[in-house]
Amino acid sequence: MNRAYLGIGSNIGNTKENIEKAIALLKENDHIKVSTISSYYETEPVGYKDQDWFLNIVIELDTDLNPYELLSYCQHIEKNLKRKRIIRWGPRTIDVDVLLYENFTSTDENLIVPHPRMIERAFVMIPLYEINKDLSINGTKIKELVNQLNGEEVRKVSYE
Protein backbone atom coordinates (compact mmCIF):
# COMPACT_ATOMS: atom_id res chain seq x y z
CA MET A 1 0.00 0.00 0.00
CA ASN A 2 1.17 3.51 -0.82
CA ARG A 3 0.29 6.69 1.05
CA ALA A 4 -1.28 9.45 -1.02
CA TYR A 5 -2.93 12.80 -0.37
CA LEU A 6 -5.91 14.22 -2.23
CA GLY A 7 -7.29 17.74 -2.23
CA ILE A 8 -11.07 17.96 -2.56
CA GLY A 9 -13.02 21.17 -3.12
CA SER A 10 -16.43 22.45 -4.21
CA ASN A 11 -18.17 25.80 -4.68
CA ILE A 12 -21.41 24.90 -6.49
CA GLY A 13 -24.54 23.62 -4.80
CA ASN A 14 -24.35 21.99 -1.39
CA THR A 15 -20.57 22.03 -1.13
CA LYS A 16 -20.33 19.95 2.06
CA GLU A 17 -22.63 17.32 0.59
CA ASN A 18 -20.59 17.26 -2.64
CA ILE A 19 -17.41 16.64 -0.63
CA GLU A 20 -19.11 13.98 1.48
CA LYS A 21 -20.25 12.19 -1.69
CA ALA A 22 -16.68 12.25 -3.01
CA ILE A 23 -15.43 10.79 0.29
CA ALA A 24 -18.09 8.06 0.13
CA LEU A 25 -17.02 7.16 -3.41
CA LEU A 26 -13.40 6.93 -2.27
CA LYS A 27 -14.39 4.70 0.64
CA GLU A 28 -16.36 2.31 -1.54
CA ASN A 29 -13.29 1.53 -3.66
CA ASP A 30 -11.67 -1.68 -2.34
CA HIS A 31 -8.23 -0.40 -3.37
CA ILE A 32 -8.42 2.77 -1.25
CA LYS A 33 -8.40 3.12 2.54
CA VAL A 34 -9.10 6.66 3.72
CA SER A 35 -7.04 7.14 6.88
CA THR A 36 -7.37 10.85 7.75
CA ILE A 37 -9.69 13.67 6.73
CA SER A 38 -8.83 17.28 7.51
CA SER A 39 -11.23 19.85 8.85
CA TYR A 40 -13.29 21.79 6.33
CA TYR A 41 -11.92 25.14 5.17
CA GLU A 42 -13.69 27.96 3.34
CA THR A 43 -11.34 29.66 0.92
CA GLU A 44 -11.56 32.56 -1.43
CA PRO A 45 -11.18 31.61 -5.09
CA VAL A 46 -7.77 31.73 -6.79
CA GLY A 47 -7.31 32.78 -10.42
CA TYR A 48 -10.90 33.40 -11.52
CA LYS A 49 -12.27 35.62 -8.71
CA ASP A 50 -15.89 36.15 -9.88
CA GLN A 51 -17.30 33.08 -8.13
CA ASP A 52 -18.37 31.82 -4.72
CA TRP A 53 -15.84 30.80 -2.08
CA PHE A 54 -14.78 27.15 -2.02
CA LEU A 55 -15.12 24.54 0.67
CA ASN A 56 -11.93 22.41 0.79
CA ILE A 57 -10.45 19.44 2.61
CA VAL A 58 -7.40 17.22 2.27
CA ILE A 59 -7.52 13.45 2.65
CA GLU A 60 -4.71 11.06 3.52
CA LEU A 61 -5.21 7.57 2.13
CA ASP A 62 -3.47 4.27 1.53
CA THR A 63 -3.92 2.60 -1.82
CA ASP A 64 -2.62 -0.22 -3.96
CA LEU A 65 -3.70 1.69 -7.08
CA ASN A 66 -0.78 3.12 -9.01
CA PRO A 67 -0.74 6.94 -9.35
CA TYR A 68 -2.42 6.90 -12.78
CA GLU A 69 -5.14 4.52 -11.58
CA LEU A 70 -5.74 6.80 -8.60
CA LEU A 71 -5.97 9.82 -10.94
CA SER A 72 -8.42 7.91 -13.12
CA TYR A 73 -10.58 7.12 -10.10
CA CYS A 74 -10.51 10.77 -9.01
CA GLN A 75 -11.68 11.76 -12.50
CA HIS A 76 -14.42 9.10 -12.25
CA ILE A 77 -15.62 10.76 -9.02
CA GLU A 78 -15.64 14.19 -10.69
CA LYS A 79 -17.65 12.82 -13.61
CA ASN A 80 -20.05 11.02 -11.26
CA LEU A 81 -20.64 14.28 -9.37
CA LYS A 82 -21.21 16.22 -12.61
CA ARG A 83 -17.99 18.28 -12.73
CA LYS A 84 -17.97 20.58 -15.77
CA ARG A 85 -14.71 22.15 -16.99
CA ILE A 86 -15.83 25.44 -18.53
CA ILE A 87 -13.59 28.16 -17.05
CA ARG A 88 -10.04 27.48 -15.89
CA TRP A 89 -10.03 27.74 -12.08
CA GLY A 90 -13.76 28.38 -12.36
CA PRO A 91 -16.76 27.17 -10.37
CA ARG A 92 -17.15 23.42 -9.89
CA THR A 93 -19.36 20.93 -8.13
CA ILE A 94 -16.28 18.94 -7.16
CA ASP A 95 -12.55 18.93 -7.69
CA VAL A 96 -10.51 15.88 -6.64
CA ASP A 97 -6.75 16.35 -7.09
CA VAL A 98 -3.86 13.99 -6.45
CA LEU A 99 -1.50 16.16 -4.39
CA LEU A 100 1.18 13.69 -3.34
CA TYR A 101 1.84 9.99 -3.87
CA GLU A 102 4.44 8.12 -1.83
CA ASN A 103 7.81 7.71 -3.58
CA PHE A 104 6.41 9.06 -6.85
CA THR A 105 7.11 12.26 -8.72
CA SER A 106 6.01 13.09 -12.23
CA THR A 107 6.07 15.96 -14.67
CA ASP A 108 3.81 14.13 -17.13
CA GLU A 109 1.21 16.57 -18.49
CA ASN A 110 -1.55 14.16 -17.38
CA LEU A 111 -0.30 13.80 -13.80
CA ILE A 112 2.11 16.23 -12.15
CA VAL A 113 3.12 15.10 -8.66
CA PRO A 114 3.64 16.89 -6.35
CA HIS A 115 0.63 18.81 -7.60
CA PRO A 116 1.77 22.00 -9.36
CA ARG A 117 1.22 25.19 -7.38
CA MET A 118 0.09 23.30 -4.25
CA ILE A 119 2.80 24.90 -2.12
CA GLU A 120 1.44 28.33 -3.10
CA ARG A 121 -2.13 27.49 -2.11
CA ALA A 122 -3.26 27.94 1.47
CA PHE A 123 -6.43 25.95 0.75
CA VAL A 124 -4.19 22.90 0.20
CA MET A 125 -1.29 23.52 2.54
CA ILE A 126 -3.22 24.43 5.69
CA PRO A 127 -5.43 21.30 5.74
CA LEU A 128 -2.45 19.18 4.64
CA TYR A 129 -0.39 20.56 7.53
CA GLU A 130 -3.30 19.86 9.88
CA ILE A 131 -3.24 16.14 9.09
CA ASN A 132 0.54 15.63 8.72
CA LYS A 133 2.85 18.12 10.44
CA ASP A 134 5.92 15.96 9.62
CA LEU A 135 5.50 16.00 5.86
CA SER A 136 8.22 17.29 3.53
CA ILE A 137 7.53 18.42 -0.02
CA ASN A 138 10.44 18.55 -2.43
CA GLY A 139 12.79 18.44 0.56
CA THR A 140 11.17 21.32 2.46
CA LYS A 141 9.30 20.81 5.73
CA ILE A 142 5.60 21.60 5.43
CA LYS A 143 5.74 23.99 8.41
CA GLU A 144 8.24 26.17 6.51
CA LEU A 145 6.01 26.12 3.42
CA VAL A 146 2.92 27.07 5.44
CA ASN A 147 4.81 29.92 7.13
CA GLN A 148 5.74 31.31 3.68
CA LEU A 149 2.14 31.43 2.45
CA ASN A 150 0.51 34.71 1.57
CA GLY A 151 -2.49 35.15 -0.60
CA GLU A 152 -5.99 33.81 -0.37
CA GLU A 153 -7.95 33.91 2.85
CA VAL A 154 -8.72 30.58 4.50
CA ARG A 155 -11.23 29.99 7.33
CA LYS A 156 -11.69 26.75 9.25
CA VAL A 157 -15.38 25.75 9.31
CA SER A 158 -17.02 23.80 12.10
CA TYR A 159 -19.96 21.52 11.34
CA GLU A 160 -21.53 20.26 14.55
C-alpha atoms as a PDB file:
ATOM      1  CA  MET A   1       0.000   0.000   0.000  1.00  0.00           C
ATOM      2  CA  ASN A   2       1.167   3.513  -0.816  1.00  0.00           C
ATOM      3  CA  ARG A   3       0.286   6.685   1.052  1.00  0.00           C
ATOM      4  CA  ALA A   4      -1.276   9.451  -1.025  1.00  0.00           C
ATOM      5  CA  TYR A   5      -2.934  12.795  -0.366  1.00  0.00           C
ATOM      6  CA  LEU A   6      -5.914  14.216  -2.225  1.00  0.00           C
ATOM      7  CA  GLY A   7      -7.286  17.745  -2.229  1.00  0.00           C
ATOM      8  CA  ILE A   8     -11.071  17.964  -2.560  1.00  0.00           C
ATOM      9  CA  GLY A   9     -13.015  21.171  -3.119  1.00  0.00           C
ATOM     10  CA  SER A  10     -16.426  22.454  -4.205  1.00  0.00           C
ATOM     11  CA  ASN A  11     -18.167  25.801  -4.680  1.00  0.00           C
ATOM     12  CA  ILE A  12     -21.406  24.902  -6.494  1.00  0.00           C
ATOM     13  CA  GLY A  13     -24.538  23.622  -4.803  1.00  0.00           C
ATOM     14  CA  ASN A  14     -24.353  21.988  -1.387  1.00  0.00           C
ATOM     15  CA  THR A  15     -20.574  22.028  -1.130  1.00  0.00           C
ATOM     16  CA  LYS A  16     -20.334  19.954   2.059  1.00  0.00           C
ATOM     17  CA  GLU A  17     -22.629  17.317   0.589  1.00  0.00           C
ATOM     18  CA  ASN A  18     -20.589  17.262  -2.641  1.00  0.00           C
ATOM     19  CA  ILE A  19     -17.411  16.641  -0.634  1.00  0.00           C
ATOM     20  CA  GLU A  20     -19.112  13.976   1.483  1.00  0.00           C
ATOM     21  CA  LYS A  21     -20.253  12.191  -1.687  1.00  0.00           C
ATOM     22  CA  ALA A  22     -16.675  12.252  -3.013  1.00  0.00           C
ATOM     23  CA  ILE A  23     -15.426  10.786   0.290  1.00  0.00           C
ATOM     24  CA  ALA A  24     -18.092   8.065   0.132  1.00  0.00           C
ATOM     25  CA  LEU A  25     -17.017   7.155  -3.413  1.00  0.00           C
ATOM     26  CA  LEU A  26     -13.400   6.934  -2.270  1.00  0.00           C
ATOM     27  CA  LYS A  27     -14.388   4.700   0.637  1.00  0.00           C
ATOM     28  CA  GLU A  28     -16.362   2.308  -1.544  1.00  0.00           C
ATOM     29  CA  ASN A  29     -13.292   1.526  -3.665  1.00  0.00           C
ATOM     30  CA  ASP A  30     -11.674  -1.676  -2.341  1.00  0.00           C
ATOM     31  CA  HIS A  31      -8.231  -0.399  -3.366  1.00  0.00           C
ATOM     32  CA  ILE A  32      -8.422   2.769  -1.248  1.00  0.00           C
ATOM     33  CA  LYS A  33      -8.397   3.119   2.536  1.00  0.00           C
ATOM     34  CA  VAL A  34      -9.099   6.659   3.724  1.00  0.00           C
ATOM     35  CA  SER A  35      -7.035   7.139   6.884  1.00  0.00           C
ATOM     36  CA  THR A  36      -7.372  10.850   7.754  1.00  0.00           C
ATOM     37  CA  ILE A  37      -9.693  13.673   6.726  1.00  0.00           C
ATOM     38  CA  SER A  38      -8.832  17.276   7.513  1.00  0.00           C
ATOM     39  CA  SER A  39     -11.226  19.852   8.849  1.00  0.00           C
ATOM     40  CA  TYR A  40     -13.288  21.789   6.332  1.00  0.00           C
ATOM     41  CA  TYR A  41     -11.924  25.142   5.175  1.00  0.00           C
ATOM     42  CA  GLU A  42     -13.685  27.964   3.339  1.00  0.00           C
ATOM     43  CA  THR A  43     -11.338  29.660   0.924  1.00  0.00           C
ATOM     44  CA  GLU A  44     -11.556  32.562  -1.429  1.00  0.00           C
ATOM     45  CA  PRO A  45     -11.177  31.614  -5.095  1.00  0.00           C
ATOM     46  CA  VAL A  46      -7.775  31.728  -6.786  1.00  0.00           C
ATOM     47  CA  GLY A  47      -7.315  32.777 -10.419  1.00  0.00           C
ATOM     48  CA  TYR A  48     -10.904  33.400 -11.519  1.00  0.00           C
ATOM     49  CA  LYS A  49     -12.272  35.624  -8.711  1.00  0.00           C
ATOM     50  CA  ASP A  50     -15.892  36.146  -9.881  1.00  0.00           C
ATOM     51  CA  GLN A  51     -17.297  33.082  -8.132  1.00  0.00           C
ATOM     52  CA  ASP A  52     -18.367  31.817  -4.717  1.00  0.00           C
ATOM     53  CA  TRP A  53     -15.841  30.801  -2.076  1.00  0.00           C
ATOM     54  CA  PHE A  54     -14.778  27.146  -2.023  1.00  0.00           C
ATOM     55  CA  LEU A  55     -15.119  24.536   0.666  1.00  0.00           C
ATOM     56  CA  ASN A  56     -11.934  22.408   0.788  1.00  0.00           C
ATOM     57  CA  ILE A  57     -10.448  19.443   2.610  1.00  0.00           C
ATOM     58  CA  VAL A  58      -7.397  17.223   2.272  1.00  0.00           C
ATOM     59  CA  ILE A  59      -7.519  13.452   2.654  1.00  0.00           C
ATOM     60  CA  GLU A  60      -4.714  11.056   3.516  1.00  0.00           C
ATOM     61  CA  LEU A  61      -5.215   7.574   2.135  1.00  0.00           C
ATOM     62  CA  ASP A  62      -3.472   4.274   1.534  1.00  0.00           C
ATOM     63  CA  THR A  63      -3.918   2.595  -1.821  1.00  0.00           C
ATOM     64  CA  ASP A  64      -2.621  -0.216  -3.962  1.00  0.00           C
ATOM     65  CA  LEU A  65      -3.696   1.691  -7.080  1.00  0.00           C
ATOM     66  CA  ASN A  66      -0.779   3.118  -9.007  1.00  0.00           C
ATOM     67  CA  PRO A  67      -0.738   6.938  -9.351  1.00  0.00           C
ATOM     68  CA  TYR A  68      -2.421   6.900 -12.778  1.00  0.00           C
ATOM     69  CA  GLU A  69      -5.141   4.523 -11.583  1.00  0.00           C
ATOM     70  CA  LEU A  70      -5.738   6.803  -8.603  1.00  0.00           C
ATOM     71  CA  LEU A  71      -5.965   9.818 -10.936  1.00  0.00           C
ATOM     72  CA  SER A  72      -8.421   7.914 -13.115  1.00  0.00           C
ATOM     73  CA  TYR A  73     -10.581   7.117 -10.099  1.00  0.00           C
ATOM     74  CA  CYS A  74     -10.508  10.775  -9.005  1.00  0.00           C
ATOM     75  CA  GLN A  75     -11.681  11.757 -12.502  1.00  0.00           C
ATOM     76  CA  HIS A  76     -14.420   9.101 -12.249  1.00  0.00           C
ATOM     77  CA  ILE A  77     -15.616  10.764  -9.018  1.00  0.00           C
ATOM     78  CA  GLU A  78     -15.642  14.191 -10.687  1.00  0.00           C
ATOM     79  CA  LYS A  79     -17.652  12.818 -13.608  1.00  0.00           C
ATOM     80  CA  ASN A  80     -20.054  11.016 -11.261  1.00  0.00           C
ATOM     81  CA  LEU A  81     -20.641  14.282  -9.365  1.00  0.00           C
ATOM     82  CA  LYS A  82     -21.205  16.225 -12.614  1.00  0.00           C
ATOM     83  CA  ARG A  83     -17.993  18.285 -12.726  1.00  0.00           C
ATOM     84  CA  LYS A  84     -17.968  20.576 -15.769  1.00  0.00           C
ATOM     85  CA  ARG A  85     -14.710  22.146 -16.989  1.00  0.00           C
ATOM     86  CA  ILE A  86     -15.831  25.437 -18.529  1.00  0.00           C
ATOM     87  CA  ILE A  87     -13.592  28.164 -17.047  1.00  0.00           C
ATOM     88  CA  ARG A  88     -10.040  27.483 -15.886  1.00  0.00           C
ATOM     89  CA  TRP A  89     -10.026  27.740 -12.078  1.00  0.00           C
ATOM     90  CA  GLY A  90     -13.761  28.377 -12.361  1.00  0.00           C
ATOM     91  CA  PRO A  91     -16.756  27.167 -10.367  1.00  0.00           C
ATOM     92  CA  ARG A  92     -17.153  23.422  -9.892  1.00  0.00           C
ATOM     93  CA  THR A  93     -19.362  20.933  -8.126  1.00  0.00           C
ATOM     94  CA  ILE A  94     -16.278  18.942  -7.157  1.00  0.00           C
ATOM     95  CA  ASP A  95     -12.548  18.926  -7.692  1.00  0.00           C
ATOM     96  CA  VAL A  96     -10.505  15.885  -6.645  1.00  0.00           C
ATOM     97  CA  ASP A  97      -6.749  16.349  -7.092  1.00  0.00           C
ATOM     98  CA  VAL A  98      -3.857  13.985  -6.448  1.00  0.00           C
ATOM     99  CA  LEU A  99      -1.498  16.156  -4.394  1.00  0.00           C
ATOM    100  CA  LEU A 100       1.183  13.691  -3.339  1.00  0.00           C
ATOM    101  CA  TYR A 101       1.837   9.988  -3.865  1.00  0.00           C
ATOM    102  CA  GLU A 102       4.441   8.124  -1.831  1.00  0.00           C
ATOM    103  CA  ASN A 103       7.813   7.709  -3.576  1.00  0.00           C
ATOM    104  CA  PHE A 104       6.415   9.058  -6.848  1.00  0.00           C
ATOM    105  CA  THR A 105       7.113  12.265  -8.721  1.00  0.00           C
ATOM    106  CA  SER A 106       6.006  13.087 -12.226  1.00  0.00           C
ATOM    107  CA  THR A 107       6.067  15.964 -14.672  1.00  0.00           C
ATOM    108  CA  ASP A 108       3.814  14.125 -17.133  1.00  0.00           C
ATOM    109  CA  GLU A 109       1.211  16.569 -18.493  1.00  0.00           C
ATOM    110  CA  ASN A 110      -1.554  14.161 -17.379  1.00  0.00           C
ATOM    111  CA  LEU A 111      -0.299  13.804 -13.802  1.00  0.00           C
ATOM    112  CA  ILE A 112       2.109  16.229 -12.154  1.00  0.00           C
ATOM    113  CA  VAL A 113       3.122  15.101  -8.657  1.00  0.00           C
ATOM    114  CA  PRO A 114       3.643  16.890  -6.348  1.00  0.00           C
ATOM    115  CA  HIS A 115       0.629  18.810  -7.603  1.00  0.00           C
ATOM    116  CA  PRO A 116       1.767  22.001  -9.361  1.00  0.00           C
ATOM    117  CA  ARG A 117       1.222  25.189  -7.375  1.00  0.00           C
ATOM    118  CA  MET A 118       0.093  23.298  -4.252  1.00  0.00           C
ATOM    119  CA  ILE A 119       2.802  24.900  -2.115  1.00  0.00           C
ATOM    120  CA  GLU A 120       1.441  28.330  -3.098  1.00  0.00           C
ATOM    121  CA  ARG A 121      -2.128  27.492  -2.113  1.00  0.00           C
ATOM    122  CA  ALA A 122      -3.259  27.942   1.465  1.00  0.00           C
ATOM    123  CA  PHE A 123      -6.426  25.945   0.751  1.00  0.00           C
ATOM    124  CA  VAL A 124      -4.194  22.898   0.199  1.00  0.00           C
ATOM    125  CA  MET A 125      -1.291  23.522   2.537  1.00  0.00           C
ATOM    126  CA  ILE A 126      -3.219  24.427   5.692  1.00  0.00           C
ATOM    127  CA  PRO A 127      -5.428  21.296   5.736  1.00  0.00           C
ATOM    128  CA  LEU A 128      -2.446  19.177   4.642  1.00  0.00           C
ATOM    129  CA  TYR A 129      -0.395  20.557   7.529  1.00  0.00           C
ATOM    130  CA  GLU A 130      -3.305  19.863   9.876  1.00  0.00           C
ATOM    131  CA  ILE A 131      -3.238  16.136   9.086  1.00  0.00           C
ATOM    132  CA  ASN A 132       0.538  15.629   8.725  1.00  0.00           C
ATOM    133  CA  LYS A 133       2.848  18.115  10.436  1.00  0.00           C
ATOM    134  CA  ASP A 134       5.922  15.964   9.622  1.00  0.00           C
ATOM    135  CA  LEU A 135       5.504  16.000   5.858  1.00  0.00           C
ATOM    136  CA  SER A 136       8.222  17.291   3.534  1.00  0.00           C
ATOM    137  CA  ILE A 137       7.527  18.415  -0.018  1.00  0.00           C
ATOM    138  CA  ASN A 138      10.445  18.552  -2.431  1.00  0.00           C
ATOM    139  CA  GLY A 139      12.793  18.440   0.559  1.00  0.00           C
ATOM    140  CA  THR A 140      11.172  21.321   2.461  1.00  0.00           C
ATOM    141  CA  LYS A 141       9.295  20.807   5.733  1.00  0.00           C
ATOM    142  CA  ILE A 142       5.603  21.596   5.432  1.00  0.00           C
ATOM    143  CA  LYS A 143       5.741  23.991   8.411  1.00  0.00           C
ATOM    144  CA  GLU A 144       8.236  26.174   6.507  1.00  0.00           C
ATOM    145  CA  LEU A 145       6.013  26.117   3.422  1.00  0.00           C
ATOM    146  CA  VAL A 146       2.924  27.068   5.445  1.00  0.00           C
ATOM    147  CA  ASN A 147       4.808  29.921   7.129  1.00  0.00           C
ATOM    148  CA  GLN A 148       5.741  31.306   3.681  1.00  0.00           C
ATOM    149  CA  LEU A 149       2.139  31.428   2.446  1.00  0.00           C
ATOM    150  CA  ASN A 150       0.515  34.713   1.575  1.00  0.00           C
ATOM    151  CA  GLY A 151      -2.486  35.149  -0.603  1.00  0.00           C
ATOM    152  CA  GLU A 152      -5.994  33.810  -0.372  1.00  0.00           C
ATOM    153  CA  GLU A 153      -7.951  33.908   2.850  1.00  0.00           C
ATOM    154  CA  VAL A 154      -8.723  30.578   4.497  1.00  0.00           C
ATOM    155  CA  ARG A 155     -11.226  29.995   7.325  1.00  0.00           C
ATOM    156  CA  LYS A 156     -11.695  26.751   9.248  1.00  0.00           C
ATOM    157  CA  VAL A 157     -15.381  25.755   9.306  1.00  0.00           C
ATOM    158  CA  SER A 158     -17.016  23.804  12.103  1.00  0.00           C
ATOM    159  CA  TYR A 159     -19.962  21.517  11.337  1.00  0.00           C
ATOM    160  CA  GLU A 160     -21.530  20.263  14.555  1.00  0.00           C
END
